[in-house]
N, C-alpha and C. Protein backbone atom coordinates (compact mmCIF):
# COMPACT_ATOMS: atom_id res chain seq x y z
N TYR A 1 96.01 69.66 28.30
CA TYR A 1 95.76 70.84 27.69
C TYR A 1 94.36 71.55 27.97
N ASN A 2 93.31 70.80 27.82
CA ASN A 2 92.07 71.14 28.06
C ASN A 2 91.82 71.65 29.79
N LEU A 3 92.53 70.57 30.59
CA LEU A 3 92.49 71.17 32.02
C LEU A 3 93.13 72.53 32.23
N GLU A 4 94.22 72.84 31.58
CA GLU A 4 94.80 74.04 31.78
C GLU A 4 94.04 75.20 31.33
N THR A 5 93.54 74.95 30.19
CA THR A 5 92.45 75.96 29.58
C THR A 5 91.34 76.33 30.46
N SER A 6 90.73 75.22 30.95
CA SER A 6 89.57 75.44 31.79
C SER A 6 90.06 76.12 33.03
N ARG A 7 91.31 75.81 33.55
CA ARG A 7 91.66 76.44 34.76
C ARG A 7 91.96 78.08 34.47
N HIS A 8 92.40 78.20 33.27
CA HIS A 8 92.72 79.68 33.00
C HIS A 8 91.37 80.39 32.89
N GLU A 9 90.65 79.75 32.08
CA GLU A 9 89.16 80.40 31.93
C GLU A 9 88.39 80.81 33.22
N GLY A 10 88.67 79.65 34.00
CA GLY A 10 87.97 79.90 35.40
C GLY A 10 88.63 81.10 36.32
N LEU A 11 89.95 81.14 36.06
CA LEU A 11 90.76 82.33 36.88
C LEU A 11 90.29 83.69 36.16
N ASP A 12 90.27 83.79 34.87
CA ASP A 12 89.83 84.78 34.11
C ASP A 12 88.37 85.23 34.71
N ILE A 13 87.26 84.27 34.88
CA ILE A 13 86.08 84.70 35.08
C ILE A 13 86.13 85.38 36.49
N ILE A 14 86.86 84.67 37.50
CA ILE A 14 86.96 85.25 38.92
C ILE A 14 87.64 86.56 38.75
N GLU A 15 88.61 86.81 38.04
CA GLU A 15 89.31 87.95 38.05
C GLU A 15 88.43 89.19 37.47
N ASN A 16 87.55 88.89 36.41
CA ASN A 16 86.62 89.69 36.02
C ASN A 16 85.63 90.05 37.11
N ALA A 17 85.06 89.07 37.81
CA ALA A 17 84.12 89.32 38.87
C ALA A 17 84.64 90.12 40.03
N VAL A 18 85.95 90.17 40.33
CA VAL A 18 86.54 90.98 41.30
C VAL A 18 86.73 92.34 40.64
N ASP A 19 87.02 92.28 39.56
CA ASP A 19 87.31 93.79 38.89
C ASP A 19 85.82 94.50 38.79
N ASN A 20 84.95 93.74 38.59
CA ASN A 20 83.50 94.38 38.41
C ASN A 20 82.80 94.61 39.83
N LEU A 21 83.43 94.38 41.01
CA LEU A 21 82.81 94.57 42.34
C LEU A 21 82.90 96.21 42.41
N GLU A 22 81.60 96.58 43.14
CA GLU A 22 81.52 98.06 43.35
C GLU A 22 81.03 98.06 44.71
N PRO A 23 81.91 98.12 45.72
CA PRO A 23 81.16 98.07 47.21
C PRO A 23 80.10 98.76 47.58
N ARG A 24 80.23 100.04 47.11
CA ARG A 24 79.10 100.96 47.72
C ARG A 24 77.69 100.68 46.88
N SER A 25 77.68 100.37 45.93
CA SER A 25 76.45 100.06 45.06
C SER A 25 76.14 98.47 45.38
N ASP A 26 76.98 97.63 45.39
CA ASP A 26 76.74 96.43 46.11
C ASP A 26 76.16 96.23 47.21
N LYS A 27 76.73 97.24 48.20
CA LYS A 27 76.12 97.16 49.68
C LYS A 27 74.80 97.73 49.75
N GLN A 28 74.49 98.69 48.95
CA GLN A 28 73.24 99.33 48.93
C GLN A 28 72.30 98.13 48.44
N ARG A 29 72.62 97.65 47.30
CA ARG A 29 71.70 96.78 46.83
C ARG A 29 71.55 95.51 47.62
N PHE A 30 72.39 95.01 48.31
CA PHE A 30 72.13 94.13 49.39
C PHE A 30 71.13 94.41 50.33
N MET A 31 71.46 95.62 51.04
CA MET A 31 70.58 96.11 52.01
C MET A 31 69.10 96.38 51.45
N GLU A 32 68.80 96.66 50.33
CA GLU A 32 67.60 96.95 49.69
C GLU A 32 67.01 95.54 49.44
N MET A 33 67.65 94.62 49.34
CA MET A 33 67.08 93.24 49.03
C MET A 33 66.82 92.55 50.40
N TYR A 34 67.40 92.76 51.47
CA TYR A 34 67.25 92.27 52.68
C TYR A 34 67.00 93.27 53.75
N PRO A 35 65.89 94.09 53.83
CA PRO A 35 65.94 95.11 54.69
C PRO A 35 65.52 94.76 56.10
N ALA A 36 64.66 93.71 56.31
CA ALA A 36 64.56 93.26 57.71
C ALA A 36 65.76 92.86 58.54
N ALA A 37 66.82 92.41 57.86
CA ALA A 37 68.04 92.08 58.50
C ALA A 37 68.68 93.10 59.34
N PHE A 38 68.39 94.15 58.80
CA PHE A 38 69.17 95.43 59.12
C PHE A 38 68.31 96.68 59.94
N CYS A 39 67.02 95.97 60.45
CA CYS A 39 66.27 96.88 61.11
C CYS A 39 66.37 96.42 62.53
N PRO A 40 66.43 97.41 63.62
CA PRO A 40 66.34 97.04 64.96
C PRO A 40 64.95 96.28 65.19
N PRO A 41 65.09 95.32 66.08
CA PRO A 41 63.79 94.55 66.45
C PRO A 41 62.73 95.30 67.05
N MET A 42 61.46 94.99 67.01
CA MET A 42 60.32 95.80 67.44
C MET A 42 60.58 95.52 68.97
N LYS A 43 59.91 96.76 69.69
CA LYS A 43 59.98 96.71 71.19
C LYS A 43 59.06 95.88 71.58
N PHE A 44 59.51 95.12 72.75
CA PHE A 44 58.48 93.96 73.22
C PHE A 44 57.80 94.83 74.41
N GLU A 45 56.43 94.82 74.42
CA GLU A 45 55.63 95.26 75.42
C GLU A 45 54.89 94.40 76.08
N PHE A 46 54.89 94.20 77.40
CA PHE A 46 54.16 93.13 78.27
C PHE A 46 52.70 93.31 78.06
N GLN A 47 52.10 92.26 77.76
CA GLN A 47 50.65 92.30 77.67
C GLN A 47 49.98 91.40 78.64
N SER A 48 49.50 92.00 79.65
CA SER A 48 48.99 90.98 80.83
C SER A 48 47.82 90.14 80.47
N HIS A 49 47.65 88.98 81.06
CA HIS A 49 46.61 88.18 80.83
C HIS A 49 45.58 88.08 82.03
N MET A 50 44.51 88.59 81.97
CA MET A 50 43.46 88.37 83.04
C MET A 50 44.05 89.10 84.22
N GLY A 51 44.67 90.22 84.20
CA GLY A 51 45.12 90.97 85.35
C GLY A 51 46.36 90.77 85.86
N ASP A 52 47.09 89.93 85.10
CA ASP A 52 48.58 89.76 85.68
C ASP A 52 49.36 90.96 85.90
N GLU A 53 50.26 90.95 86.81
CA GLU A 53 51.07 92.23 87.10
C GLU A 53 52.57 91.51 87.15
N VAL A 54 53.53 92.36 86.77
CA VAL A 54 54.99 91.75 86.59
C VAL A 54 55.58 92.30 88.14
N CYS A 55 55.75 91.47 89.03
CA CYS A 55 56.16 91.62 90.44
C CYS A 55 57.70 91.10 90.36
N GLN A 56 58.18 90.27 89.64
CA GLN A 56 59.34 89.71 89.88
C GLN A 56 59.87 89.35 88.66
N VAL A 57 61.20 89.74 88.22
CA VAL A 57 61.84 89.25 87.02
C VAL A 57 62.82 88.14 87.19
N SER A 58 62.73 86.98 86.48
CA SER A 58 63.52 85.97 86.76
C SER A 58 64.40 85.60 85.54
N ALA A 59 65.56 85.11 85.42
CA ALA A 59 66.29 84.60 84.43
C ALA A 59 67.28 83.36 84.73
N GLN A 60 67.67 82.84 83.73
CA GLN A 60 68.55 81.71 83.88
C GLN A 60 69.97 82.36 84.41
N GLN A 61 70.86 81.62 85.07
CA GLN A 61 72.00 82.16 85.82
C GLN A 61 72.84 83.24 84.91
N PRO A 62 73.42 82.83 83.61
CA PRO A 62 74.25 83.78 82.89
C PRO A 62 73.50 84.92 82.58
N VAL A 63 72.32 84.93 82.20
CA VAL A 63 71.44 86.10 81.90
C VAL A 63 71.31 86.95 83.30
N GLN A 64 70.93 86.28 84.30
CA GLN A 64 70.69 86.82 85.56
C GLN A 64 71.98 87.61 86.03
N ALA A 65 73.17 87.06 86.06
CA ALA A 65 74.30 87.86 86.44
C ALA A 65 74.51 88.94 85.68
N GLU A 66 74.37 89.00 84.24
CA GLU A 66 74.41 90.10 83.44
C GLU A 66 73.26 91.22 83.92
N LEU A 67 72.19 90.62 83.89
CA LEU A 67 71.17 91.61 84.45
C LEU A 67 71.48 92.42 85.67
N MET A 68 72.14 91.71 86.90
CA MET A 68 72.13 92.18 88.05
C MET A 68 73.52 93.16 87.84
N LEU A 69 74.44 92.96 87.21
CA LEU A 69 75.61 93.73 86.91
C LEU A 69 75.08 94.99 86.23
N ARG A 70 74.16 95.08 85.18
CA ARG A 70 73.69 96.24 84.54
C ARG A 70 72.79 96.90 85.44
N TYR A 71 72.14 96.25 86.29
CA TYR A 71 71.17 96.98 87.16
C TYR A 71 72.05 97.71 88.31
N GLN A 72 72.94 97.38 88.67
CA GLN A 72 74.06 97.94 89.56
C GLN A 72 74.74 99.05 88.99
N GLN A 73 75.06 98.91 87.63
CA GLN A 73 75.65 99.91 86.94
C GLN A 73 74.66 101.11 86.66
N LEU A 74 73.38 100.75 86.29
CA LEU A 74 72.45 101.85 86.27
C LEU A 74 72.08 102.67 87.58
N GLN A 75 72.14 101.96 88.57
CA GLN A 75 71.86 102.53 89.90
C GLN A 75 73.03 103.36 90.33
N SER A 76 74.15 102.95 90.03
CA SER A 76 75.33 103.82 90.20
C SER A 76 75.44 105.04 89.41
N ARG A 77 75.09 105.05 88.35
CA ARG A 77 75.02 106.07 87.17
C ARG A 77 73.86 107.10 87.71
N LEU A 78 72.83 106.47 88.11
CA LEU A 78 71.60 107.39 88.77
C LEU A 78 72.07 108.14 89.85
N THR A 79 72.67 107.32 90.74
CA THR A 79 73.20 108.20 92.02
C THR A 79 73.94 109.55 91.52
N THR A 80 75.01 109.15 90.57
CA THR A 80 76.04 110.17 90.40
C THR A 80 75.20 111.31 89.72
N LEU A 81 74.36 110.96 88.79
CA LEU A 81 73.73 112.02 88.22
C LEU A 81 72.68 112.85 89.07
N LYS A 82 72.03 112.28 90.25
CA LYS A 82 71.40 112.77 91.16
C LYS A 82 72.38 113.76 91.93
N ILE A 83 73.58 113.32 92.11
CA ILE A 83 74.42 114.26 92.93
C ILE A 83 74.86 115.41 92.06
N GLU A 84 75.25 115.25 90.90
CA GLU A 84 75.58 116.33 89.98
C GLU A 84 74.52 117.25 89.56
N ASN A 85 73.22 116.74 89.54
CA ASN A 85 72.08 117.68 89.38
C ASN A 85 71.68 118.56 90.70
N GLU A 86 71.92 117.86 91.85
CA GLU A 86 71.74 118.70 93.23
C GLU A 86 72.87 119.70 93.26
N GLU A 87 74.09 119.46 92.71
CA GLU A 87 75.23 120.46 92.84
C GLU A 87 74.74 121.69 91.88
């Protein structure tokens, strides 16, 4: 009997919690509590050390392949835009 009563009380508590959910206000409250999690990261700026210059970018294989693909896409897009601009 006690086990059954406890089970029903637990279910009632869960049901009341679900009924009291307000998605919009809960979302707003959550975002206010953790603002850093929803901000874009700060821009990384290269800071040279004793006159260092960036001459070559290197990366590990998976990242390098993605960078090369993106570079080629940007070059293609730039070529297309130049042609459109000249027309």
